[in-house]
């Protein structure tokens, strides 16, 4: 079964005009992660150069998902949807086969 990160990356490959911004919590605390066109990177921590190294730890809890109109411009964010719970977004992924 694919991990949440893999499912979100697959979704983002199919939605190239959209950026996903996640608020996550793990053993190191809260952080923000962006997923765009199948690639994941952290906004608050170092991201490995190797794309096969997951950004989301296995114990990470996804708190919120924001759907943002691409391109991502931090000074001018255009939200499509904001503060979706992981339960809500995960159900959308399942409904769409991700």
C-alpha atoms as a PDB file:
ATOM      1  CA  UNK A   1       0.000   0.000   0.000  1.00  0.00           C
ATOM      2  CA  UNK A   2       1.409   3.437  -0.909  1.00  0.00           C
ATOM      3  CA  UNK A   3       2.405   5.857   1.834  1.00  0.00           C
ATOM      4  CA  UNK A   4       0.520   9.144   2.281  1.00  0.00           C
ATOM      5  CA  UNK A   5       3.465  10.966   0.655  1.00  0.00           C
ATOM      6  CA  UNK A   6       3.335   8.663  -2.388  1.00  0.00           C
ATOM      7  CA  UNK A   7      -0.425   9.119  -2.701  1.00  0.00           C
ATOM      8  CA  UNK A   8      -0.094  12.907  -2.509  1.00  0.00           C
ATOM      9  CA  UNK A   9       2.762  12.924  -5.036  1.00  0.00           C
ATOM     10  CA  UNK A  10       0.678  10.827  -7.435  1.00  0.00           C
ATOM     11  CA  UNK A  11      -2.230  13.231  -7.025  1.00  0.00           C
ATOM     12  CA  UNK A  12       0.024  16.214  -7.674  1.00  0.00           C
ATOM     13  CA  UNK A  13       1.383  14.678 -10.892  1.00  0.00           C
ATOM     14  CA  UNK A  14      -2.186  14.588 -12.191  1.00  0.00           C
ATOM     15  CA  UNK A  15      -2.878  18.169 -11.049  1.00  0.00           C
ATOM     16  CA  UNK A  16       0.118  20.193 -12.300  1.00  0.00           C
ATOM     17  CA  UNK A  17      -1.622  23.531 -11.796  1.00  0.00           C
ATOM     18  CA  UNK A  18      -1.931  22.887  -8.098  1.00  0.00           C
ATOM     19  CA  UNK A  19       0.497  22.932  -5.164  1.00  0.00           C
ATOM     20  CA  UNK A  20      -0.277  21.054  -1.973  1.00  0.00           C
ATOM     21  CA  UNK A  21       0.946  22.621   1.242  1.00  0.00           C
ATOM     22  CA  UNK A  22       0.808  20.331   4.250  1.00  0.00           C
ATOM     23  CA  UNK A  23       1.031  21.196   7.907  1.00  0.00           C
ATOM     24  CA  UNK A  24       2.527  18.147   9.611  1.00  0.00           C
ATOM     25  CA  UNK A  25       3.580  17.073  13.084  1.00  0.00           C
ATOM     26  CA  UNK A  26       6.186  14.443  13.935  1.00  0.00           C
ATOM     27  CA  UNK A  27       8.758  13.774  16.655  1.00  0.00           C
ATOM     28  CA  UNK A  28      10.590  17.005  15.708  1.00  0.00           C
ATOM     29  CA  UNK A  29       7.462  19.167  16.031  1.00  0.00           C
ATOM     30  CA  UNK A  30       5.294  20.915  13.463  1.00  0.00           C
ATOM     31  CA  UNK A  31       6.468  21.764   9.965  1.00  0.00           C
ATOM     32  CA  UNK A  32       5.298  22.665   6.472  1.00  0.00           C
ATOM     33  CA  UNK A  33       5.768  20.600   3.342  1.00  0.00           C
ATOM     34  CA  UNK A  34       5.083  21.433  -0.317  1.00  0.00           C
ATOM     35  CA  UNK A  35       4.176  18.862  -2.950  1.00  0.00           C
ATOM     36  CA  UNK A  36       4.234  19.927  -6.599  1.00  0.00           C
ATOM     37  CA  UNK A  37       4.301  17.835  -9.771  1.00  0.00           C
ATOM     38  CA  UNK A  38       5.235  14.710  -7.846  1.00  0.00           C
ATOM     39  CA  UNK A  39       8.048  16.238  -5.797  1.00  0.00           C
ATOM     40  CA  UNK A  40       8.005  16.874  -2.061  1.00  0.00           C
ATOM     41  CA  UNK A  41      10.125  19.339  -0.124  1.00  0.00           C
ATOM     42  CA  UNK A  42      10.068  20.779   3.349  1.00  0.00           C
ATOM     43  CA  UNK A  43       9.669  24.500   3.930  1.00  0.00           C
ATOM     44  CA  UNK A  44      10.806  24.267   7.533  1.00  0.00           C
ATOM     45  CA  UNK A  45      13.545  21.598   7.503  1.00  0.00           C
ATOM     46  CA  UNK A  46      16.316  20.366   5.268  1.00  0.00           C
ATOM     47  CA  UNK A  47      15.220  18.223   2.314  1.00  0.00           C
ATOM     48  CA  UNK A  48      17.473  15.413   1.103  1.00  0.00           C
ATOM     49  CA  UNK A  49      18.873  15.742  -2.426  1.00  0.00           C
ATOM     50  CA  UNK A  50      17.910  12.123  -3.122  1.00  0.00           C
ATOM     51  CA  UNK A  51      14.242  12.034  -4.236  1.00  0.00           C
ATOM     52  CA  UNK A  52      13.836   8.481  -2.898  1.00  0.00           C
ATOM     53  CA  UNK A  53      14.354   9.682   0.687  1.00  0.00           C
ATOM     54  CA  UNK A  54      10.888  10.451   2.069  1.00  0.00           C
ATOM     55  CA  UNK A  55      10.264  13.913   3.466  1.00  0.00           C
ATOM     56  CA  UNK A  56       7.378  12.732   5.630  1.00  0.00           C
ATOM     57  CA  UNK A  57       8.467  10.469   8.468  1.00  0.00           C
ATOM     58  CA  UNK A  58       6.424   7.268   8.909  1.00  0.00           C
ATOM     59  CA  UNK A  59       5.053   8.624  12.201  1.00  0.00           C
ATOM     60  CA  UNK A  60       4.165  12.047  10.762  1.00  0.00           C
ATOM     61  CA  UNK A  61       0.638  13.260  11.313  1.00  0.00           C
ATOM     62  CA  UNK A  62      -0.809  15.393   8.510  1.00  0.00           C
ATOM     63  CA  UNK A  63      -2.804  18.114  10.242  1.00  0.00           C
ATOM     64  CA  UNK A  64      -3.947  20.275   7.327  1.00  0.00           C
ATOM     65  CA  UNK A  65      -3.840  20.312   3.549  1.00  0.00           C
ATOM     66  CA  UNK A  66      -4.013  23.545   1.539  1.00  0.00           C
ATOM     67  CA  UNK A  67      -4.634  23.445  -2.205  1.00  0.00           C
ATOM     68  CA  UNK A  68      -2.847  26.384  -3.844  1.00  0.00           C
ATOM     69  CA  UNK A  69      -2.923  27.641  -7.429  1.00  0.00           C
ATOM     70  CA  UNK A  70       0.488  27.086  -9.051  1.00  0.00           C
ATOM     71  CA  UNK A  71       2.970  28.626  -9.226  1.00  0.00           C
ATOM     72  CA  UNK A  72       3.600  28.898  -5.500  1.00  0.00           C
ATOM     73  CA  UNK A  73       4.453  32.474  -4.592  1.00  0.00           C
ATOM     74  CA  UNK A  74       4.753  32.904  -0.812  1.00  0.00           C
ATOM     75  CA  UNK A  75       4.092  36.646  -1.034  1.00  0.00           C
ATOM     76  CA  UNK A  76       0.923  36.130  -3.111  1.00  0.00           C
ATOM     77  CA  UNK A  77      -0.707  32.788  -2.274  1.00  0.00           C
ATOM     78  CA  UNK A  78      -3.842  31.976  -4.250  1.00  0.00           C
ATOM     79  CA  UNK A  79      -5.727  29.383  -2.244  1.00  0.00           C
ATOM     80  CA  UNK A  80      -8.079  26.994  -3.990  1.00  0.00           C
ATOM     81  CA  UNK A  81      -8.990  25.453  -0.619  1.00  0.00           C
ATOM     82  CA  UNK A  82      -7.488  25.955   2.806  1.00  0.00           C
ATOM     83  CA  UNK A  83      -7.256  23.983   6.069  1.00  0.00           C
ATOM     84  CA  UNK A  84      -8.677  20.703   4.812  1.00  0.00           C
ATOM     85  CA  UNK A  85      -8.294  17.961   7.397  1.00  0.00           C
ATOM     86  CA  UNK A  86      -6.229  14.934   6.413  1.00  0.00           C
ATOM     87  CA  UNK A  87      -9.320  12.744   6.899  1.00  0.00           C
ATOM     88  CA  UNK A  88     -11.246  14.857   4.389  1.00  0.00           C
ATOM     89  CA  UNK A  89      -8.446  15.020   1.821  1.00  0.00           C
ATOM     90  CA  UNK A  90      -7.563  11.342   2.240  1.00  0.00           C
ATOM     91  CA  UNK A  91     -11.171  10.467   1.411  1.00  0.00           C
ATOM     92  CA  UNK A  92     -10.922  12.564  -1.767  1.00  0.00           C
ATOM     93  CA  UNK A  93      -7.759  10.689  -2.718  1.00  0.00           C
ATOM     94  CA  UNK A  94      -9.512   7.352  -2.164  1.00  0.00           C
ATOM     95  CA  UNK A  95     -12.580   8.469  -4.143  1.00  0.00           C
ATOM     96  CA  UNK A  96     -10.304   9.394  -7.074  1.00  0.00           C
ATOM     97  CA  UNK A  97      -8.200   6.242  -6.927  1.00  0.00           C
ATOM     98  CA  UNK A  98      -5.029   7.647  -5.337  1.00  0.00           C
END
